[in-house]
Amino acid sequence: MRLKLICLLLLSSTALPVLAQHKFPADVARFVEKRDGYDHFRGEEPYDEERKQFLIKNINALCTGTDAKLAQLKKKYAQRAAIMRKLNDYDAQIEDGQP
């Protein structure tokens, strides 16, 4: 019994973040994935020229258009508090500051 309870707790704790992402509409989930990818790459260290070019390529691919998309999503979901809380986690303008 105790082992079943431990297994259940472990499974639920690892599944919750995945399930939480599915609470958003598809367009919001895609934006979150793209913008989080951008945040990941912009935090990486360009320790040599090859790495620097790799980072710039990925940052540009993930960042381009996200300022406008964020504004569009905020307008579309203005009345949905949970979505707005998530969208408000992101800076409104990041494209001007790209490498």
Protein backbone atom coordinates (compact mmCIF):
# COMPACT_ATOMS: atom_id res chain seq x y z
CA MET A 1 0.00 0.00 0.00
CA ARG A 2 2.74 2.43 0.95
CA LEU A 3 4.67 1.66 -2.23
CA LYS A 4 1.56 2.33 -4.34
CA LEU A 5 1.10 5.68 -2.63
CA ILE A 6 4.72 6.66 -3.24
CA CYS A 7 4.46 5.64 -6.89
CA LEU A 8 1.25 7.61 -7.31
CA LEU A 9 2.83 10.71 -5.78
CA LEU A 10 5.91 10.44 -7.99
CA LEU A 11 3.86 9.99 -11.13
CA SER A 12 1.55 12.88 -10.35
CA SER A 13 4.41 15.24 -9.48
CA THR A 14 6.18 14.59 -12.78
CA ALA A 15 2.99 14.77 -14.85
CA LEU A 16 1.68 18.06 -13.43
CA PRO A 17 4.01 20.40 -15.36
CA VAL A 18 3.13 18.64 -18.62
CA LEU A 19 -0.59 18.78 -17.87
CA ALA A 20 -0.36 22.44 -16.88
CA GLN A 21 0.99 23.35 -20.33
CA HIS A 22 -2.08 21.75 -21.94
CA LYS A 23 -4.44 24.12 -20.17
CA PHE A 24 -3.60 26.81 -22.72
CA PRO A 25 -5.04 27.07 -26.22
CA ALA A 26 -2.74 25.77 -28.97
CA ASP A 27 -1.67 29.23 -30.16
CA VAL A 28 -0.67 30.25 -26.64
CA ALA A 29 1.16 26.96 -26.02
CA ARG A 30 3.13 27.40 -29.28
CA PHE A 31 4.05 30.96 -28.31
CA VAL A 32 5.17 29.86 -24.84
CA GLU A 33 7.33 27.09 -26.31
CA LYS A 34 8.94 29.42 -28.84
CA ARG A 35 9.53 32.26 -26.39
CA ASP A 36 10.91 29.90 -23.73
CA GLY A 37 13.29 28.50 -26.36
CA TYR A 38 14.47 32.02 -27.07
CA ASP A 39 15.02 32.67 -23.37
CA HIS A 40 17.03 29.45 -23.14
CA PHE A 41 19.37 30.36 -25.99
CA ARG A 42 19.86 33.97 -24.95
CA GLY A 43 21.12 32.73 -21.59
CA GLU A 44 23.80 30.55 -23.19
CA GLU A 45 27.46 31.52 -23.31
CA PRO A 46 29.01 32.11 -26.79
CA TYR A 47 32.38 30.63 -25.83
CA ASP A 48 33.71 30.53 -29.40
CA GLU A 49 32.76 31.85 -32.84
CA GLU A 50 30.99 28.66 -33.92
CA ARG A 51 28.89 28.64 -30.76
CA LYS A 52 28.16 32.35 -31.17
CA GLN A 53 26.84 31.81 -34.71
CA PHE A 54 24.76 28.83 -33.54
CA LEU A 55 23.20 30.94 -30.79
CA ILE A 56 22.50 33.89 -33.08
CA LYS A 57 20.82 31.62 -35.63
CA ASN A 58 18.57 30.00 -33.03
CA ILE A 59 17.80 33.25 -31.23
CA ASN A 60 16.78 34.90 -34.50
CA ALA A 61 14.63 31.92 -35.51
CA LEU A 62 12.84 31.80 -32.17
CA CYS A 63 12.54 35.52 -31.53
CA THR A 64 11.44 36.96 -34.85
CA GLY A 65 7.77 37.91 -34.74
CA THR A 66 7.23 37.17 -31.06
CA ASP A 67 6.68 40.80 -30.05
CA ALA A 68 3.75 41.09 -32.45
CA LYS A 69 2.46 37.62 -31.54
CA LEU A 70 2.51 38.46 -27.83
CA ALA A 71 0.53 41.65 -28.46
CA GLN A 72 -1.97 39.73 -30.62
CA LEU A 73 -2.43 36.99 -28.00
CA LYS A 74 -2.89 39.54 -25.20
CA LYS A 75 -5.61 41.24 -27.21
CA LYS A 76 -7.29 37.94 -28.12
CA TYR A 77 -7.24 36.55 -24.56
CA ALA A 78 -7.65 39.79 -22.60
CA GLN A 79 -10.65 38.38 -20.72
CA ARG A 80 -8.96 35.09 -19.74
CA ALA A 81 -7.08 35.74 -16.50
CA ALA A 82 -5.03 32.52 -16.40
CA ILE A 83 -3.76 33.04 -19.93
CA MET A 84 -3.02 36.71 -19.27
CA ARG A 85 -1.01 35.80 -16.17
CA LYS A 86 1.18 33.55 -18.31
CA LEU A 87 1.51 36.06 -21.14
CA ASN A 88 2.39 38.84 -18.71
CA ASP A 89 5.46 36.81 -17.69
CA TYR A 90 7.06 37.82 -21.00
CA ASP A 91 8.66 41.14 -21.93
CA ALA A 92 6.56 42.97 -24.52
CA GLN A 93 9.55 43.99 -26.66
CA ILE A 94 12.60 41.80 -27.09
CA GLU A 95 13.25 41.87 -30.83
CA ASP A 96 15.13 45.17 -30.76
CA GLY A 97 17.60 43.72 -28.26
CA GLN A 98 18.54 40.64 -30.29
CA PRO A 99 22.24 39.96 -30.86
